[in-house]
C-alpha atoms as a PDB file:
ATOM      1  CA  UNK A   1      21.210   3.477 -32.022  1.00  0.00           C
ATOM      2  CA  UNK A   2      24.487   4.936 -33.122  1.00  0.00           C
ATOM      3  CA  UNK A   3      25.052   9.095 -34.669  1.00  0.00           C
ATOM      4  CA  UNK A   4      26.106  10.001 -37.671  1.00  0.00           C
ATOM      5  CA  UNK A   5      29.641  11.350 -38.208  1.00  0.00           C
ATOM      6  CA  UNK A   6      28.649  13.815 -40.016  1.00  0.00           C
ATOM      7  CA  UNK A   7      25.709  15.494 -38.750  1.00  0.00           C
ATOM      8  CA  UNK A   8      25.833  14.318 -35.421  1.00  0.00           C
ATOM      9  CA  UNK A   9      21.981  12.904 -35.530  1.00  0.00           C
ATOM     10  CA  UNK A  10      20.737   9.464 -34.762  1.00  0.00           C
ATOM     11  CA  UNK A  11      20.882   7.201 -37.466  1.00  0.00           C
ATOM     12  CA  UNK A  12      18.940   4.112 -38.366  1.00  0.00           C
ATOM     13  CA  UNK A  13      20.497   0.763 -38.969  1.00  0.00           C
ATOM     14  CA  UNK A  14      18.950   0.473 -42.269  1.00  0.00           C
ATOM     15  CA  UNK A  15      20.245   4.133 -43.535  1.00  0.00           C
ATOM     16  CA  UNK A  16      23.498   4.349 -42.202  1.00  0.00           C
ATOM     17  CA  UNK A  17      26.537   3.237 -44.350  1.00  0.00           C
ATOM     18  CA  UNK A  18      29.720   2.401 -41.846  1.00  0.00           C
ATOM     19  CA  UNK A  19      33.522   3.125 -43.132  1.00  0.00           C
ATOM     20  CA  UNK A  20      35.767   0.202 -43.484  1.00  0.00           C
ATOM     21  CA  UNK A  21      38.601   2.005 -41.707  1.00  0.00           C
ATOM     22  CA  UNK A  22      37.454   3.870 -38.802  1.00  0.00           C
ATOM     23  CA  UNK A  23      33.913   1.887 -38.404  1.00  0.00           C
ATOM     24  CA  UNK A  24      32.151   5.358 -38.177  1.00  0.00           C
ATOM     25  CA  UNK A  25      28.583   5.622 -39.701  1.00  0.00           C
ATOM     26  CA  UNK A  26      27.074   7.982 -41.979  1.00  0.00           C
ATOM     27  CA  UNK A  27      24.094   9.269 -43.576  1.00  0.00           C
ATOM     28  CA  UNK A  28      24.440   8.149 -47.023  1.00  0.00           C
ATOM     29  CA  UNK A  29      22.814  11.668 -47.935  1.00  0.00           C
ATOM     30  CA  UNK A  30      25.865  12.606 -45.901  1.00  0.00           C
ATOM     31  CA  UNK A  31      28.489  11.339 -47.629  1.00  0.00           C
ATOM     32  CA  UNK A  32      26.514  11.236 -51.351  1.00  0.00           C
ATOM     33  CA  UNK A  33      26.127   7.359 -51.506  1.00  0.00           C
ATOM     34  CA  UNK A  34      22.426   6.933 -53.347  1.00  0.00           C
ATOM     35  CA  UNK A  35      20.181   4.910 -50.918  1.00  0.00           C
ATOM     36  CA  UNK A  36      19.884   2.023 -53.926  1.00  0.00           C
ATOM     37  CA  UNK A  37      23.682   1.699 -54.007  1.00  0.00           C
ATOM     38  CA  UNK A  38      25.395  -1.153 -52.305  1.00  0.00           C
ATOM     39  CA  UNK A  39      28.734  -0.210 -50.833  1.00  0.00           C
ATOM     40  CA  UNK A  40      31.609  -2.497 -50.803  1.00  0.00           C
ATOM     41  CA  UNK A  41      33.184  -3.433 -47.573  1.00  0.00           C
ATOM     42  CA  UNK A  42      36.203  -1.103 -47.863  1.00  0.00           C
ATOM     43  CA  UNK A  43      34.665   1.882 -48.666  1.00  0.00           C
ATOM     44  CA  UNK A  44      36.204   5.062 -46.811  1.00  0.00           C
ATOM     45  CA  UNK A  45      34.686   7.741 -45.405  1.00  0.00           C
ATOM     46  CA  UNK A  46      35.857  11.268 -46.522  1.00  0.00           C
ATOM     47  CA  UNK A  47      37.624  12.025 -43.334  1.00  0.00           C
ATOM     48  CA  UNK A  48      39.776   8.969 -44.119  1.00  0.00           C
ATOM     49  CA  UNK A  49      40.113   9.438 -47.381  1.00  0.00           C
ATOM     50  CA  UNK A  50      41.694  13.250 -46.639  1.00  0.00           C
ATOM     51  CA  UNK A  51      43.838  11.568 -44.844  1.00  0.00           C
ATOM     52  CA  UNK A  52      45.223   9.536 -47.479  1.00  0.00           C
ATOM     53  CA  UNK A  53      48.156  11.016 -49.527  1.00  0.00           C
ATOM     54  CA  UNK A  54      46.770  13.499 -51.874  1.00  0.00           C
ATOM     55  CA  UNK A  55      46.851  13.688 -55.387  1.00  0.00           C
ATOM     56  CA  UNK A  56      44.529  15.962 -56.641  1.00  0.00           C
ATOM     57  CA  UNK A  57      41.348  18.245 -54.698  1.00  0.00           C
ATOM     58  CA  UNK A  58      39.152  15.847 -55.895  1.00  0.00           C
ATOM     59  CA  UNK A  59      38.609  15.087 -51.772  1.00  0.00           C
ATOM     60  CA  UNK A  60      36.859  17.386 -49.790  1.00  0.00           C
ATOM     61  CA  UNK A  61      35.788  17.132 -46.434  1.00  0.00           C
ATOM     62  CA  UNK A  62      31.792  16.324 -45.603  1.00  0.00           C
ATOM     63  CA  UNK A  63      31.348  18.609 -42.321  1.00  0.00           C
ATOM     64  CA  UNK A  64      31.015  21.615 -44.657  1.00  0.00           C
ATOM     65  CA  UNK A  65      28.534  20.089 -46.918  1.00  0.00           C
ATOM     66  CA  UNK A  66      26.527  18.573 -44.523  1.00  0.00           C
ATOM     67  CA  UNK A  67      24.723  21.896 -43.103  1.00  0.00           C
ATOM     68  CA  UNK A  68      23.433  21.753 -47.462  1.00  0.00           C
ATOM     69  CA  UNK A  69      22.194  18.329 -47.260  1.00  0.00           C
ATOM     70  CA  UNK A  70      18.901  17.819 -46.092  1.00  0.00           C
ATOM     71  CA  UNK A  71      18.972  14.267 -44.245  1.00  0.00           C
ATOM     72  CA  UNK A  72      16.130  12.177 -45.987  1.00  0.00           C
ATOM     73  CA  UNK A  73      14.348  10.955 -42.644  1.00  0.00           C
ATOM     74  CA  UNK A  74      13.020   7.378 -43.159  1.00  0.00           C
ATOM     75  CA  UNK A  75       9.284   7.019 -43.288  1.00  0.00           C
ATOM     76  CA  UNK A  76       8.144   7.691 -39.423  1.00  0.00           C
ATOM     77  CA  UNK A  77       7.975   4.629 -37.797  1.00  0.00           C
ATOM     78  CA  UNK A  78       7.506   3.732 -34.019  1.00  0.00           C
ATOM     79  CA  UNK A  79      11.423   3.602 -32.411  1.00  0.00           C
ATOM     80  CA  UNK A  80      12.434   0.223 -31.278  1.00  0.00           C
ATOM     81  CA  UNK A  81      11.038  -1.103 -27.755  1.00  0.00           C
ATOM     82  CA  UNK A  82      14.924  -0.892 -25.982  1.00  0.00           C
ATOM     83  CA  UNK A  83      14.453   2.956 -26.954  1.00  0.00           C
ATOM     84  CA  UNK A  84      11.606   3.179 -24.438  1.00  0.00           C
ATOM     85  CA  UNK A  85      12.670   1.217 -22.134  1.00  0.00           C
ATOM     86  CA  UNK A  86      15.571   3.122 -21.596  1.00  0.00           C
ATOM     87  CA  UNK A  87      14.281   6.597 -21.488  1.00  0.00           C
ATOM     88  CA  UNK A  88      12.015   5.063 -18.648  1.00  0.00           C
ATOM     89  CA  UNK A  89      14.826   3.908 -16.809  1.00  0.00           C
ATOM     90  CA  UNK A  90      16.344   7.070 -17.306  1.00  0.00           C
ATOM     91  CA  UNK A  91      13.440   9.063 -15.958  1.00  0.00           C
ATOM     92  CA  UNK A  92      12.873   6.389 -13.333  1.00  0.00           C
ATOM     93  CA  UNK A  93      16.412   7.413 -12.366  1.00  0.00           C
ATOM     94  CA  UNK A  94      16.005  10.900 -12.119  1.00  0.00           C
ATOM     95  CA  UNK A  95      12.975  10.765  -9.889  1.00  0.00           C
ATOM     96  CA  UNK A  96      14.620   8.190  -7.595  1.00  0.00           C
ATOM     97  CA  UNK A  97      17.798  10.851  -7.541  1.00  0.00           C
ATOM     98  CA  UNK A  98      15.314  13.873  -6.456  1.00  0.00           C
ATOM     99  CA  UNK A  99      13.580  11.770  -3.836  1.00  0.00           C
ATOM    100  CA  UNK A 100      17.246  11.178  -2.295  1.00  0.00           C
ATOM    101  CA  UNK A 101      18.155  14.667  -2.667  1.00  0.00           C
ATOM    102  CA  UNK A 102      14.809  15.174  -0.420  1.00  0.00           C
ATOM    103  CA  UNK A 103      15.796  12.559   1.894  1.00  0.00           C
ATOM    104  CA  UNK A 104      19.435  13.805   2.275  1.00  0.00           C
ATOM    105  CA  UNK A 105      18.132  17.297   2.814  1.00  0.00           C
ATOM    106  CA  UNK A 106      15.503  15.715   5.337  1.00  0.00           C
ATOM    107  CA  UNK A 107      18.482  14.306   6.942  1.00  0.00           C
ATOM    108  CA  UNK A 108      20.594  17.265   6.939  1.00  0.00           C
ATOM    109  CA  UNK A 109      17.799  19.629   8.714  1.00  0.00           C
ATOM    110  CA  UNK A 110      17.456  16.504  11.444  1.00  0.00           C
ATOM    111  CA  UNK A 111      20.887  16.519  12.113  1.00  0.00           C
ATOM    112  CA  UNK A 112      20.908  20.150  12.368  1.00  0.00           C
ATOM    113  CA  UNK A 113      18.367  19.970  14.913  1.00  0.00           C
ATOM    114  CA  UNK A 114      19.771  17.181  16.857  1.00  0.00           C
ATOM    115  CA  UNK A 115      23.252  18.872  17.082  1.00  0.00           C
ATOM    116  CA  UNK A 116      21.218  22.194  18.077  1.00  0.00           C
ATOM    117  CA  UNK A 117      19.234  19.927  21.067  1.00  0.00           C
ATOM    118  CA  UNK A 118      23.211  18.654  21.877  1.00  0.00           C
ATOM    119  CA  UNK A 119      24.488  21.958  22.550  1.00  0.00           C
ATOM    120  CA  UNK A 120      21.318  22.618  24.392  1.00  0.00           C
ATOM    121  CA  UNK A 121      21.655  20.217  26.797  1.00  0.00           C
ATOM    122  CA  UNK A 122      25.615  20.770  27.125  1.00  0.00           C
ATOM    123  CA  UNK A 123      24.956  24.143  28.055  1.00  0.00           C
ATOM    124  CA  UNK A 124      22.340  23.296  30.849  1.00  0.00           C
ATOM    125  CA  UNK A 125      24.822  20.723  31.910  1.00  0.00           C
ATOM    126  CA  UNK A 126      27.334  23.130  31.991  1.00  0.00           C
ATOM    127  CA  UNK A 127      25.226  25.783  34.057  1.00  0.00           C
ATOM    128  CA  UNK A 128      24.762  22.750  36.479  1.00  0.00           C
ATOM    129  CA  UNK A 129      27.936  21.893  37.074  1.00  0.00           C
ATOM    130  CA  UNK A 130      28.927  25.501  37.311  1.00  0.00           C
ATOM    131  CA  UNK A 131      26.145  25.622  40.210  1.00  0.00           C
ATOM    132  CA  UNK A 132      27.341  22.952  41.855  1.00  0.00           C
ATOM    133  CA  UNK A 133      31.099  24.555  41.666  1.00  0.00           C
ATOM    134  CA  UNK A 134      29.549  27.737  43.390  1.00  0.00           C
ATOM    135  CA  UNK A 135      27.999  25.874  45.922  1.00  0.00           C
ATOM    136  CA  UNK A 136      30.828  23.821  46.818  1.00  0.00           C
ATOM    137  CA  UNK A 137      32.946  27.105  47.052  1.00  0.00           C
ATOM    138  CA  UNK A 138      30.197  28.569  49.448  1.00  0.00           C
ATOM    139  CA  UNK A 139      30.572  25.554  51.688  1.00  0.00           C
ATOM    140  CA  UNK A 140      34.101  25.404  51.513  1.00  0.00           C
ATOM    141  CA  UNK A 141      34.433  28.895  52.428  1.00  0.00           C
ATOM    142  CA  UNK A 142      32.253  28.880  55.377  1.00  0.00           C
ATOM    143  CA  UNK A 143      33.139  28.254  58.811  1.00  0.00           C
ATOM    144  CA  UNK A 144      31.801  24.213  59.796  1.00  0.00           C
ATOM    145  CA  UNK A 145      31.320  25.533  63.325  1.00  0.00           C
ATOM    146  CA  UNK A 146      28.516  27.501  61.660  1.00  0.00           C
ATOM    147  CA  UNK A 147      26.808  24.416  61.229  1.00  0.00           C
ATOM    148  CA  UNK A 148      26.785  23.146  65.018  1.00  0.00           C
ATOM    149  CA  UNK A 149      23.568  25.121  65.535  1.00  0.00           C
ATOM    150  CA  UNK A 150      21.529  23.262  62.857  1.00  0.00           C
ATOM    151  CA  UNK A 151      23.047  19.932  64.151  1.00  0.00           C
ATOM    152  CA  UNK A 152      21.654  21.324  67.870  1.00  0.00           C
ATOM    153  CA  UNK A 153      18.454  22.338  66.456  1.00  0.00           C
ATOM    154  CA  UNK A 154      18.212  18.422  65.126  1.00  0.00           C
ATOM    155  CA  UNK A 155      18.850  17.358  68.017  1.00  0.00           C
ATOM    156  CA  UNK A 156      16.602  19.511  70.174  1.00  0.00           C
ATOM    157  CA  UNK A 157      13.649  18.526  67.567  1.00  0.00           C
ATOM    158  CA  UNK A 158      14.713  14.337  68.293  1.00  0.00           C
ATOM    159  CA  UNK A 159      14.193  15.239  71.613  1.00  0.00           C
ATOM    160  CA  UNK A 160      10.877  17.021  71.557  1.00  0.00           C
ATOM    161  CA  UNK A 161       9.417  14.335  69.208  1.00  0.00           C
ATOM    162  CA  UNK A 162      10.677  11.713  71.643  1.00  0.00           C
ATOM    163  CA  UNK A 163       9.042  13.343  74.772  1.00  0.00           C
ATOM    164  CA  UNK A 164       5.757  13.781  72.705  1.00  0.00           C
ATOM    165  CA  UNK A 165       5.713  10.152  71.803  1.00  0.00           C
ATOM    166  CA  UNK A 166       6.603   9.504  75.461  1.00  0.00           C
ATOM    167  CA  UNK A 167       3.556  12.153  76.554  1.00  0.00           C
ATOM    168  CA  UNK A 168       1.047   9.400  74.123  1.00  0.00           C
ATOM    169  CA  UNK A 169       1.819   6.625  76.244  1.00  0.00           C
ATOM    170  CA  UNK A 170       1.403   7.674  79.510  1.00  0.00           C
ATOM    171  CA  UNK A 171      -2.126   5.840  80.044  1.00  0.00           C
ATOM    172  CA  UNK A 172      -0.242   2.172  78.514  1.00  0.00           C
ATOM    173  CA  UNK A 173       1.542  -0.751  79.922  1.00  0.00           C
ATOM    174  CA  UNK A 174       3.639  -3.635  78.529  1.00  0.00           C
ATOM    175  CA  UNK A 175       2.870  -6.978  79.509  1.00  0.00           C
ATOM    176  CA  UNK A 176       5.267  -9.537  78.660  1.00  0.00           C
ATOM    177  CA  UNK A 177       5.558 -13.093  78.906  1.00  0.00           C
ATOM    178  CA  UNK A 178       2.103 -14.389  78.543  1.00  0.00           C
ATOM    179  CA  UNK A 179       1.800 -17.486  76.229  1.00  0.00           C
ATOM    180  CA  UNK A 180       0.527 -17.083  72.779  1.00  0.00           C
ATOM    181  CA  UNK A 181      -2.532 -19.132  71.387  1.00  0.00           C
ATOM    182  CA  UNK A 182      -5.207 -18.636  68.578  1.00  0.00           C
ATOM    183  CA  UNK A 183      -7.981 -18.462  70.504  1.00  0.00           C
ATOM    184  CA  UNK A 184      -6.880 -16.288  73.266  1.00  0.00           C
ATOM    185  CA  UNK A 185      -8.779 -13.176  74.766  1.00  0.00           C
ATOM    186  CA  UNK A 186      -6.425 -10.641  75.452  1.00  0.00           C
ATOM    187  CA  UNK A 187      -8.795  -8.684  77.296  1.00  0.00           C
ATOM    188  CA  UNK A 188      -9.805 -11.552  79.451  1.00  0.00           C
ATOM    189  CA  UNK A 189      -6.110 -11.954  80.078  1.00  0.00           C
ATOM    190  CA  UNK A 190      -5.438  -8.619  81.529  1.00  0.00           C
ATOM    191  CA  UNK A 191      -8.657  -8.886  83.311  1.00  0.00           C
ATOM    192  CA  UNK A 192      -7.579 -12.181  85.233  1.00  0.00           C
ATOM    193  CA  UNK A 193      -4.151 -10.684  85.916  1.00  0.00           C
ATOM    194  CA  UNK A 194      -5.353  -7.341  87.127  1.00  0.00           C
ATOM    195  CA  UNK A 195      -7.436  -9.487  89.766  1.00  0.00           C
ATOM    196  CA  UNK A 196      -4.060 -11.585  90.424  1.00  0.00           C
ATOM    197  CA  UNK A 197      -2.559  -8.125  91.212  1.00  0.00           C
ATOM    198  CA  UNK A 198      -5.591  -7.015  93.459  1.00  0.00           C
ATOM    199  CA  UNK A 199      -6.644  -4.486  91.032  1.00  0.00           C
ATOM    200  CA  UNK A 200     -10.074  -4.510  89.586  1.00  0.00           C
ATOM    201  CA  UNK A 201     -10.277  -3.474  86.013  1.00  0.00           C
ATOM    202  CA  UNK A 202     -13.687  -2.248  84.697  1.00  0.00           C
ATOM    203  CA  UNK A 203     -14.520  -2.779  80.767  1.00  0.00           C
ATOM    204  CA  UNK A 204     -14.256   1.065  80.927  1.00  0.00           C
ATOM    205  CA  UNK A 205     -11.280   1.029  81.940  1.00  0.00           C
ATOM    206  CA  UNK A 206      -9.607  -0.566  79.136  1.00  0.00           C
ATOM    207  CA  UNK A 207      -9.448   1.028  75.826  1.00  0.00           C
ATOM    208  CA  UNK A 208      -7.330  -1.132  73.694  1.00  0.00           C
ATOM    209  CA  UNK A 209      -5.819  -4.579  74.526  1.00  0.00           C
ATOM    210  CA  UNK A 210      -3.639  -6.307  71.365  1.00  0.00           C
ATOM    211  CA  UNK A 211      -0.432  -7.952  70.788  1.00  0.00           C
ATOM    212  CA  UNK A 212       2.610  -6.177  69.649  1.00  0.00           C
ATOM    213  CA  UNK A 213       4.175  -7.325  66.281  1.00  0.00           C
ATOM    214  CA  UNK A 214       3.483  -9.439  63.524  1.00  0.00           C
ATOM    215  CA  UNK A 215       1.725 -12.573  63.834  1.00  0.00           C
ATOM    216  CA  UNK A 216       4.362 -15.692  64.428  1.00  0.00           C
ATOM    217  CA  UNK A 217       3.297 -18.241  61.650  1.00  0.00           C
ATOM    218  CA  UNK A 218       6.169 -20.903  63.315  1.00  0.00           C
ATOM    219  CA  UNK A 219       5.076 -20.185  66.973  1.00  0.00           C
ATOM    220  CA  UNK A 220       4.427 -23.193  68.795  1.00  0.00           C
ATOM    221  CA  UNK A 221       1.817 -22.469  71.706  1.00  0.00           C
ATOM    222  CA  UNK A 222       2.957 -24.064  75.387  1.00  0.00           C
ATOM    223  CA  UNK A 223       6.604 -24.090  74.548  1.00  0.00           C
ATOM    224  CA  UNK A 224       8.719 -24.077  77.686  1.00  0.00           C
ATOM    225  CA  UNK A 225      11.762 -21.840  78.996  1.00  0.00           C
ATOM    226  CA  UNK A 226      14.250 -24.416  77.786  1.00  0.00           C
ATOM    227  CA  UNK A 227      13.347 -24.714  74.366  1.00  0.00           C
ATOM    228  CA  UNK A 228      13.186 -20.634  74.080  1.00  0.00           C
ATOM    229  CA  UNK A 229      16.242 -20.758  71.550  1.00  0.00           C
ATOM    230  CA  UNK A 230      14.126 -23.176  69.070  1.00  0.00           C
ATOM    231  CA  UNK A 231      10.702 -21.259  69.649  1.00  0.00           C
ATOM    232  CA  UNK A 232      10.711 -17.393  69.648  1.00  0.00           C
ATOM    233  CA  UNK A 233       9.233 -15.897  72.817  1.00  0.00           C
ATOM    234  CA  UNK A 234       5.800 -15.014  72.910  1.00  0.00           C
ATOM    235  CA  UNK A 235       4.634 -11.466  71.417  1.00  0.00           C
ATOM    236  CA  UNK A 236       3.842  -8.676  74.291  1.00  0.00           C
ATOM    237  CA  UNK A 237       0.571  -7.637  75.252  1.00  0.00           C
ATOM    238  CA  UNK A 238      -0.022  -3.509  74.726  1.00  0.00           C
ATOM    239  CA  UNK A 239      -2.702  -2.256  77.025  1.00  0.00           C
ATOM    240  CA  UNK A 240      -3.804   1.373  76.798  1.00  0.00           C
ATOM    241  CA  UNK A 241      -6.288   2.367  79.699  1.00  0.00           C
ATOM    242  CA  UNK A 242      -8.555   5.296  80.302  1.00  0.00           C
ATOM    243  CA  UNK A 243      -7.067   6.809  82.856  1.00  0.00           C
ATOM    244  CA  UNK A 244      -3.292   7.364  84.216  1.00  0.00           C
ATOM    245  CA  UNK A 245      -4.384   6.585  87.625  1.00  0.00           C
ATOM    246  CA  UNK A 246      -5.572   2.878  86.751  1.00  0.00           C
ATOM    247  CA  UNK A 247      -2.279   2.423  85.258  1.00  0.00           C
ATOM    248  CA  UNK A 248      -0.356   3.711  88.036  1.00  0.00           C
ATOM    249  CA  UNK A 249      -2.385   1.211  90.457  1.00  0.00           C
ATOM    250  CA  UNK A 250      -1.398  -1.977  88.053  1.00  0.00           C
ATOM    251  CA  UNK A 251       2.009  -0.553  88.310  1.00  0.00           C
ATOM    252  CA  UNK A 252       2.534  -0.253  91.676  1.00  0.00           C
ATOM    253  CA  UNK A 253       0.442  -3.959  92.508  1.00  0.00           C
ATOM    254  CA  UNK A 254       2.838  -5.455  89.848  1.00  0.00           C
ATOM    255  CA  UNK A 255       5.779  -3.940  91.635  1.00  0.00           C
ATOM    256  CA  UNK A 256       4.651  -5.249  94.626  1.00  0.00           C
ATOM    257  CA  UNK A 257       4.104  -8.913  93.404  1.00  0.00           C
ATOM    258  CA  UNK A 258       7.229  -9.215  91.291  1.00  0.00           C
ATOM    259  CA  UNK A 259       6.959 -13.290  91.109  1.00  0.00           C
ATOM    260  CA  UNK A 260       3.812 -13.149  89.185  1.00  0.00           C
ATOM    261  CA  UNK A 261       3.528 -16.286  86.835  1.00  0.00           C
ATOM    262  CA  UNK A 262       1.383 -17.837  84.428  1.00  0.00           C
ATOM    263  CA  UNK A 263       0.992 -20.383  86.390  1.00  0.00           C
ATOM    264  CA  UNK A 264      -1.228 -18.173  88.888  1.00  0.00           C
ATOM    265  CA  UNK A 265      -2.813 -17.161  85.587  1.00  0.00           C
ATOM    266  CA  UNK A 266      -3.746 -20.935  84.996  1.00  0.00           C
ATOM    267  CA  UNK A 267      -2.342 -20.507  81.703  1.00  0.00           C
ATOM    268  CA  UNK A 268      -0.908 -23.959  80.607  1.00  0.00           C
ATOM    269  CA  UNK A 269       2.486 -24.809  79.586  1.00  0.00           C
ATOM    270  CA  UNK A 270       5.471 -24.270  81.773  1.00  0.00           C
ATOM    271  CA  UNK A 271       5.461 -21.450  84.211  1.00  0.00           C
ATOM    272  CA  UNK A 272       7.095 -18.244  82.922  1.00  0.00           C
ATOM    273  CA  UNK A 273       7.263 -15.075  84.675  1.00  0.00           C
ATOM    274  CA  UNK A 274       4.721 -11.935  84.121  1.00  0.00           C
ATOM    275  CA  UNK A 275       5.966  -8.808  83.721  1.00  0.00           C
ATOM    276  CA  UNK A 276       4.191  -5.757  83.957  1.00  0.00           C
ATOM    277  CA  UNK A 277       5.942  -2.656  82.791  1.00  0.00           C
ATOM    278  CA  UNK A 278       5.110   0.941  81.718  1.00  0.00           C
ATOM    279  CA  UNK A 279       5.339   1.360  77.704  1.00  0.00           C
ATOM    280  CA  UNK A 280       8.278   3.190  76.551  1.00  0.00           C
ATOM    281  CA  UNK A 281       9.496   4.437  73.107  1.00  0.00           C
ATOM    282  CA  UNK A 282      12.362   2.912  71.121  1.00  0.00           C
ATOM    283  CA  UNK A 283      14.737   5.383  71.898  1.00  0.00           C
ATOM    284  CA  UNK A 284      13.573   5.310  75.924  1.00  0.00           C
ATOM    285  CA  UNK A 285      13.739   1.837  75.870  1.00  0.00           C
ATOM    286  CA  UNK A 286      17.341   1.279  74.422  1.00  0.00           C
ATOM    287  CA  UNK A 287      18.417   4.313  77.050  1.00  0.00           C
ATOM    288  CA  UNK A 288      16.637   2.579  79.602  1.00  0.00           C
ATOM    289  CA  UNK A 289      18.759  -0.828  78.768  1.00  0.00           C
ATOM    290  CA  UNK A 290      21.780   0.726  78.535  1.00  0.00           C
ATOM    291  CA  UNK A 291      21.657   2.453  81.636  1.00  0.00           C
ATOM    292  CA  UNK A 292      20.630  -1.018  83.709  1.00  0.00           C
ATOM    293  CA  UNK A 293      23.329  -2.372  81.946  1.00  0.00           C
ATOM    294  CA  UNK A 294      25.235   0.726  83.439  1.00  0.00           C
ATOM    295  CA  UNK A 295      24.117  -0.218  86.529  1.00  0.00           C
ATOM    296  CA  UNK A 296      24.825  -3.727  86.637  1.00  0.00           C
ATOM    297  CA  UNK A 297      28.497  -3.102  85.735  1.00  0.00           C
ATOM    298  CA  UNK A 298      29.024  -0.699  88.462  1.00  0.00           C
ATOM    299  CA  UNK A 299      27.238  -2.721  90.866  1.00  0.00           C
ATOM    300  CA  UNK A 300      24.377  -0.054  92.007  1.00  0.00           C
ATOM    301  CA  UNK A 301      20.707  -0.554  91.790  1.00  0.00           C
ATOM    302  CA  UNK A 302      18.802   0.302  88.904  1.00  0.00           C
ATOM    303  CA  UNK A 303      15.808   2.601  88.680  1.00  0.00           C
ATOM    304  CA  UNK A 304      12.595   0.623  88.214  1.00  0.00           C
ATOM    305  CA  UNK A 305      11.079   0.515  85.097  1.00  0.00           C
ATOM    306  CA  UNK A 306       7.247   1.232  86.526  1.00  0.00           C
ATOM    307  CA  UNK A 307       8.083   4.878  88.011  1.00  0.00           C
ATOM    308  CA  UNK A 308       7.161   8.370  86.719  1.00  0.00           C
ATOM    309  CA  UNK A 309       9.587  10.199  84.696  1.00  0.00           C
ATOM    310  CA  UNK A 310       9.931  12.848  86.883  1.00  0.00           C
ATOM    311  CA  UNK A 311      10.714  10.353  89.823  1.00  0.00           C
ATOM    312  CA  UNK A 312      12.835   7.917  87.792  1.00  0.00           C
ATOM    313  CA  UNK A 313      16.452   7.154  88.900  1.00  0.00           C
ATOM    314  CA  UNK A 314      16.446   9.011  91.840  1.00  0.00           C
ATOM    315  CA  UNK A 315      18.539   6.338  93.482  1.00  0.00           C
ATOM    316  CA  UNK A 316      21.203   6.312  91.099  1.00  0.00           C
ATOM    317  CA  UNK A 317      20.693   9.506  89.444  1.00  0.00           C
ATOM    318  CA  UNK A 318      24.318  10.681  89.717  1.00  0.00           C
ATOM    319  CA  UNK A 319      25.450   7.704  87.361  1.00  0.00           C
ATOM    320  CA  UNK A 320      23.180   7.080  85.377  1.00  0.00           C
ATOM    321  CA  UNK A 321      22.445  10.960  84.251  1.00  0.00           C
ATOM    322  CA  UNK A 322      26.084  11.315  83.905  1.00  0.00           C
ATOM    323  CA  UNK A 323      26.466   8.311  81.874  1.00  0.00           C
ATOM    324  CA  UNK A 324      23.319   9.242  79.381  1.00  0.00           C
ATOM    325  CA  UNK A 325      24.883  12.367  79.151  1.00  0.00           C
ATOM    326  CA  UNK A 326      28.019  10.980  77.199  1.00  0.00           C
ATOM    327  CA  UNK A 327      27.429   7.733  76.293  1.00  0.00           C
ATOM    328  CA  UNK A 328      23.668   6.533  75.484  1.00  0.00           C
ATOM    329  CA  UNK A 329      22.837   9.909  74.133  1.00  0.00           C
ATOM    330  CA  UNK A 330      25.381   9.975  71.505  1.00  0.00           C
ATOM    331  CA  UNK A 331      24.266   6.532  70.527  1.00  0.00           C
ATOM    332  CA  UNK A 332      20.645   7.040  70.441  1.00  0.00           C
ATOM    333  CA  UNK A 333      20.012  10.807  69.575  1.00  0.00           C
ATOM    334  CA  UNK A 334      23.366  11.944  67.881  1.00  0.00           C
ATOM    335  CA  UNK A 335      24.239  15.154  70.167  1.00  0.00           C
ATOM    336  CA  UNK A 336      21.103  15.104  72.385  1.00  0.00           C
ATOM    337  CA  UNK A 337      21.875  15.701  76.250  1.00  0.00           C
ATOM    338  CA  UNK A 338      19.342  14.553  78.755  1.00  0.00           C
ATOM    339  CA  UNK A 339      18.397  16.482  81.927  1.00  0.00           C
ATOM    340  CA  UNK A 340      16.930  13.442  83.511  1.00  0.00           C
ATOM    341  CA  UNK A 341      17.191   9.349  83.014  1.00  0.00           C
ATOM    342  CA  UNK A 342      14.553   8.338  79.918  1.00  0.00           C
ATOM    343  CA  UNK A 343      13.439   5.112  82.166  1.00  0.00           C
END
């Protein structure tokens, strides 16, 4: 919808008159044209006429007369649908702009919160780095020799734990070399073994008898010593007795009869040697093996495993204890020093 060039108001197409030179629309009343008159296509508006060479004062600008004239409004008619659609579109566009402003405002708030959280994380990280740096400086400032006391304490605690674990095994023995089968009875095997050794065991003397370790699914019962590389060795039997005297008698009898085999126990398969030893902790077992290897390398006789901790290694005490203090203790328990052989 065009605007009047004189009064600046919107004008309908039926009530307007267009200038033939500048193509500006005017109300008929603003330019003094009767409503019933038909203007020619070459009609000029007062502005264009004023620009023409003047001959007299008959041409006056229409701007001043616009205030006195009243626009004869056309009869109230409904505006074209195009103007309503445009108004709705403008209103919807304004609503979208308002919603967009709200979203942008919320986004700015979230961005500010995110920045605050990042700043807080950076501050805490800086505090952690500062504490780590201070601890490193304190650690570097101290003499490393001051931590030797802690290492000695740890080694002493390891030794005490090992001794206590060994004390819990004072009534235990290990029987190795017995073939393994699914239908075996470890308690019956132990009684048969004790009878062969000359020790009569009662049911009250046996607390527990079981195989050590997990069940080997690929184990074949009755495998000979020649195919021991193809098939694993049978698991050892751990025996816990009710009294230490019974355990000492069993170990003494096993030392007397060292050549005991599975054939003496009427067990199936190839004959194997049967060994009865005291139950040692893992550290003491490693220590015993190293001591035995050291004794073999030095061509001396090693101590027997079945003796008590107080009497073990009397024949090779000087050799084994010195070796334990230098090499064995360092390999097993760090800086732990043994007063006696861990046999």
